[in-house]
Amino acid sequence: MLADAPLESAALKAGTPPKRASSRLPRLLDEAAHAFALRGYAAASVREIVGPVGMLPGSLYCHFATKEALLVAVYTEGVVRIGAAVDAAVADLDEPWQRLEAACVAHLSSLLDQTDYSQVVIRVRPSDAPAAEAELIALRDSYEKRFARLVAALPLARPTDRTLLRLMLVGALNWSQTWYREERGTSPAKIARRFVGLLKANLAASVKEHA
């Protein structure tokens, strides 16, 4: 369950007076995350989101000015949760490749945990909600700055395009949710370590060649 304070902040950001924040707000976010993850942003109706909370459709706008603002709040919570997992994973590590591996393990484990919030982050594209597109892109970019810093710290050969390396790695991690099957016995952590291991084996060789 989400903490009341962050949810009140999300409601305030959407232009809602403090007195309208209620104890039903965490449940509202949970139901919205479930609907967006299950049906996608466009197909999820306000009625199906508020119904399980015991609210009428119009009551949503006592908490959020628009459906897009509700999506931003859900997306924000998802990004915060994944970001916290990555930050905790690298906190006690110093070696650049170890830090990147730990971040990738935390990132992929969070995405494949099948929680509604993580599924919203990975499945809902900013372009799905044009009115909120800029905010969603900003949230995504703020999260991916972690990986930009981690890749920037790697001991790589000078010609390596670190931006493309980051995009390739994060893209591969994100795409795994389309083919990953838990019953195959390969854990998200093992997949992430193998991804980074492949990069390290090839890029470390590249560093030696340019030494």
Protein backbone atom coordinates (compact mmCIF):
# COMPACT_ATOMS: atom_id res chain seq x y z
CA MET A 1 0.00 0.00 0.00
CA LEU A 2 1.24 3.46 -0.82
CA ALA A 3 2.03 5.99 1.86
CA ASP A 4 -0.51 8.79 2.28
CA ALA A 5 2.03 11.61 2.03
CA PRO A 6 3.27 10.85 -1.52
CA LEU A 7 -0.30 10.41 -2.70
CA GLU A 8 -1.37 13.68 -1.19
CA SER A 9 1.55 15.30 -3.02
CA ALA A 10 0.42 13.73 -6.30
CA ALA A 11 -3.09 15.01 -5.79
CA LEU A 12 -1.82 18.47 -4.95
CA LYS A 13 0.33 18.46 -8.08
CA ALA A 14 -2.81 17.73 -10.07
CA GLY A 15 -4.41 20.86 -8.63
CA THR A 16 -6.45 19.35 -5.80
CA PRO A 17 -6.96 21.17 -2.48
CA PRO A 18 -5.44 19.36 0.55
CA LYS A 19 -8.83 18.86 2.20
CA ARG A 20 -9.89 16.54 -0.63
CA ALA A 21 -7.12 14.00 -0.03
CA SER A 22 -8.68 10.98 1.66
CA SER A 23 -7.93 7.52 2.99
CA ARG A 24 -9.35 6.11 -0.26
CA LEU A 25 -6.58 7.68 -2.29
CA PRO A 26 -4.06 4.81 -1.88
CA ARG A 27 -6.73 2.31 -2.98
CA LEU A 28 -7.60 4.54 -5.92
CA LEU A 29 -3.98 4.52 -7.08
CA ASP A 30 -3.78 0.76 -6.66
CA GLU A 31 -6.93 0.21 -8.73
CA ALA A 32 -5.73 2.62 -11.41
CA ALA A 33 -2.38 0.83 -11.61
CA HIS A 34 -4.18 -2.50 -11.96
CA ALA A 35 -6.49 -1.23 -14.71
CA PHE A 36 -3.71 0.48 -16.66
CA ALA A 37 -1.47 -2.59 -16.39
CA LEU A 38 -4.24 -4.99 -17.40
CA ARG A 39 -5.98 -3.05 -20.17
CA GLY A 40 -3.65 -0.23 -21.12
CA TYR A 41 -4.20 3.45 -20.44
CA ALA A 42 -6.69 4.20 -23.21
CA ALA A 43 -8.87 1.11 -22.67
CA ALA A 44 -9.08 1.46 -18.89
CA SER A 45 -12.21 3.37 -17.96
CA VAL A 46 -12.66 5.70 -15.03
CA ARG A 47 -15.70 3.64 -14.00
CA GLU A 48 -13.71 0.41 -13.63
CA ILE A 49 -11.01 2.23 -11.68
CA VAL A 50 -13.26 3.89 -9.12
CA GLY A 51 -15.89 1.14 -8.83
CA PRO A 52 -13.90 -1.18 -6.54
CA VAL A 53 -13.11 1.81 -4.32
CA GLY A 54 -16.80 2.56 -3.85
CA MET A 55 -16.66 5.85 -5.74
CA LEU A 56 -18.72 7.31 -8.56
CA PRO A 57 -16.82 8.19 -11.77
CA GLY A 58 -17.14 11.90 -11.14
CA SER A 59 -15.57 11.53 -7.71
CA LEU A 60 -12.18 10.83 -9.33
CA TYR A 61 -11.92 14.52 -10.13
CA CYS A 62 -12.02 15.38 -6.45
CA HIS A 63 -8.52 13.87 -6.32
CA PHE A 64 -7.13 14.37 -9.82
CA ALA A 65 -8.00 17.02 -12.34
CA THR A 66 -7.86 14.57 -15.26
CA LYS A 67 -7.38 10.90 -16.06
CA GLU A 68 -3.95 11.86 -17.38
CA ALA A 69 -3.03 13.30 -13.99
CA LEU A 70 -4.02 9.99 -12.42
CA LEU A 71 -1.73 8.17 -14.85
CA VAL A 72 1.14 10.49 -13.96
CA ALA A 73 0.64 9.70 -10.26
CA VAL A 74 0.64 5.94 -10.93
CA TYR A 75 3.67 6.20 -13.22
CA THR A 76 5.49 8.31 -10.65
CA GLU A 77 4.95 5.69 -7.95
CA GLY A 78 6.22 2.98 -10.29
CA VAL A 79 9.36 4.94 -11.14
CA VAL A 80 9.98 5.74 -7.47
CA ARG A 81 9.75 2.07 -6.51
CA ILE A 82 12.10 0.86 -9.25
CA GLY A 83 14.50 3.74 -8.65
CA ALA A 84 14.65 2.96 -4.94
CA ALA A 85 15.49 -0.68 -5.70
CA VAL A 86 18.31 0.32 -8.05
CA ASP A 87 19.72 2.91 -5.64
CA ALA A 88 19.75 0.41 -2.78
CA ALA A 89 21.44 -2.21 -4.96
CA VAL A 90 24.42 -0.02 -5.85
CA ALA A 91 24.75 1.90 -2.59
CA ASP A 92 27.56 -0.18 -1.08
CA LEU A 93 29.48 -0.93 -4.27
CA ASP A 94 32.41 0.97 -5.77
CA GLU A 95 33.66 -1.03 -8.77
CA PRO A 96 31.94 0.30 -11.94
CA TRP A 97 31.08 -3.04 -13.54
CA GLN A 98 29.76 -4.40 -10.25
CA ARG A 99 27.60 -1.31 -9.82
CA LEU A 100 26.17 -1.66 -13.32
CA GLU A 101 25.46 -5.35 -12.81
CA ALA A 102 23.72 -4.71 -9.48
CA ALA A 103 21.64 -1.93 -11.03
CA CYS A 104 20.60 -4.17 -13.92
CA VAL A 105 19.65 -6.98 -11.55
CA ALA A 106 17.50 -4.62 -9.48
CA HIS A 107 15.97 -3.03 -12.57
CA LEU A 108 15.05 -6.30 -14.24
CA SER A 109 13.87 -7.94 -11.02
CA SER A 110 11.57 -4.96 -10.46
CA LEU A 111 10.20 -5.03 -13.99
CA LEU A 112 9.55 -8.77 -13.93
CA ASP A 113 7.98 -8.86 -10.49
CA GLN A 114 4.61 -8.53 -12.26
CA THR A 115 3.31 -5.85 -9.90
CA ASP A 116 0.84 -3.45 -11.45
CA TYR A 117 3.05 -0.39 -10.94
CA SER A 118 6.05 -1.91 -12.67
CA GLN A 119 3.87 -3.06 -15.56
CA VAL A 120 2.52 0.45 -16.04
CA VAL A 121 6.06 1.83 -16.26
CA ILE A 122 7.15 -0.74 -18.85
CA ARG A 123 3.94 -1.04 -20.89
CA VAL A 124 2.40 2.44 -20.98
CA ARG A 125 4.17 4.62 -23.52
CA PRO A 126 4.22 8.39 -23.01
CA SER A 127 2.54 8.79 -26.41
CA ASP A 128 -0.45 6.79 -25.09
CA ALA A 129 -1.49 9.88 -23.13
CA PRO A 130 -0.56 12.95 -25.22
CA ALA A 131 -1.67 15.42 -22.55
CA ALA A 132 0.74 13.83 -20.06
CA GLU A 133 3.46 12.85 -22.54
CA ALA A 134 5.99 15.48 -21.46
CA GLU A 135 5.62 14.56 -17.78
CA LEU A 136 5.95 10.84 -18.45
CA ILE A 137 9.05 11.35 -20.60
CA ALA A 138 10.58 13.51 -17.87
CA LEU A 139 9.93 10.78 -15.29
CA ARG A 140 11.47 8.13 -17.54
CA ASP A 141 14.48 10.29 -18.30
CA SER A 142 15.06 11.13 -14.64
CA TYR A 143 15.12 7.42 -13.84
CA GLU A 144 17.47 6.53 -16.72
CA LYS A 145 19.99 9.15 -15.61
CA ARG A 146 21.07 6.51 -13.09
CA PHE A 147 22.18 4.27 -15.93
CA ALA A 148 23.79 7.15 -17.78
CA ARG A 149 25.98 7.77 -14.72
CA LEU A 150 26.76 4.08 -14.30
CA VAL A 151 27.77 3.65 -17.94
CA ALA A 152 29.79 6.89 -17.84
CA ALA A 153 31.90 5.41 -15.02
CA LEU A 154 32.83 2.23 -16.92
CA PRO A 155 36.46 1.80 -18.05
CA LEU A 156 35.77 1.65 -21.79
CA ALA A 157 37.80 2.27 -24.91
CA ARG A 158 37.57 5.90 -26.00
CA PRO A 159 35.58 5.32 -29.25
CA THR A 160 32.72 3.61 -27.38
CA ASP A 161 29.43 5.47 -27.74
CA ARG A 162 28.19 5.36 -24.15
CA THR A 163 24.77 6.75 -24.99
CA LEU A 164 24.10 3.96 -27.48
CA LEU A 165 25.52 1.43 -25.02
CA ARG A 166 23.09 2.60 -22.34
CA LEU A 167 20.13 2.60 -24.72
CA MET A 168 20.99 -0.88 -25.96
CA LEU A 169 21.36 -2.29 -22.45
CA VAL A 170 18.23 -0.71 -20.97
CA GLY A 171 16.28 -1.59 -24.11
CA ALA A 172 17.34 -5.23 -23.86
CA LEU A 173 16.39 -5.36 -20.19
CA ASN A 174 13.00 -3.78 -20.85
CA TRP A 175 12.24 -6.00 -23.85
CA SER A 176 12.81 -9.14 -21.79
CA GLN A 177 9.34 -8.76 -20.30
CA THR A 178 7.93 -9.87 -23.67
CA TRP A 179 9.75 -13.20 -23.74
CA TYR A 180 10.59 -13.99 -20.11
CA ARG A 181 8.91 -17.08 -18.68
CA GLU A 182 9.46 -17.92 -15.03
CA GLU A 183 8.92 -21.62 -15.61
CA ARG A 184 12.06 -21.80 -17.76
CA GLY A 185 14.11 -21.60 -14.58
CA THR A 186 16.25 -18.60 -15.46
CA SER A 187 15.82 -15.85 -12.90
CA PRO A 188 15.70 -12.14 -13.73
CA ALA A 189 18.94 -11.73 -11.76
CA LYS A 190 20.70 -14.38 -13.83
CA ILE A 191 19.51 -12.79 -17.09
CA ALA A 192 20.71 -9.36 -16.03
CA ARG A 193 24.11 -10.70 -15.00
CA ARG A 194 24.49 -12.46 -18.33
CA PHE A 195 23.63 -9.29 -20.24
CA VAL A 196 26.27 -7.32 -18.36
CA GLY A 197 28.73 -10.19 -18.59
CA LEU A 198 28.46 -10.23 -22.39
CA LEU A 199 29.08 -6.50 -22.54
CA LYS A 200 31.99 -6.65 -20.14
CA ALA A 201 33.69 -9.53 -21.97
CA ASN A 202 33.61 -7.69 -25.28
CA LEU A 203 34.22 -4.16 -24.06
CA ALA A 204 37.01 -5.19 -21.72
CA ALA A 205 38.74 -6.83 -24.69
CA SER A 206 38.23 -3.60 -26.60
CA VAL A 207 39.93 -1.65 -23.81
CA LYS A 208 42.97 -3.96 -23.96
CA GLU A 209 43.21 -3.55 -27.71
CA HIS A 210 43.33 0.23 -27.36
CA ALA A 211 45.75 0.21 -24.45
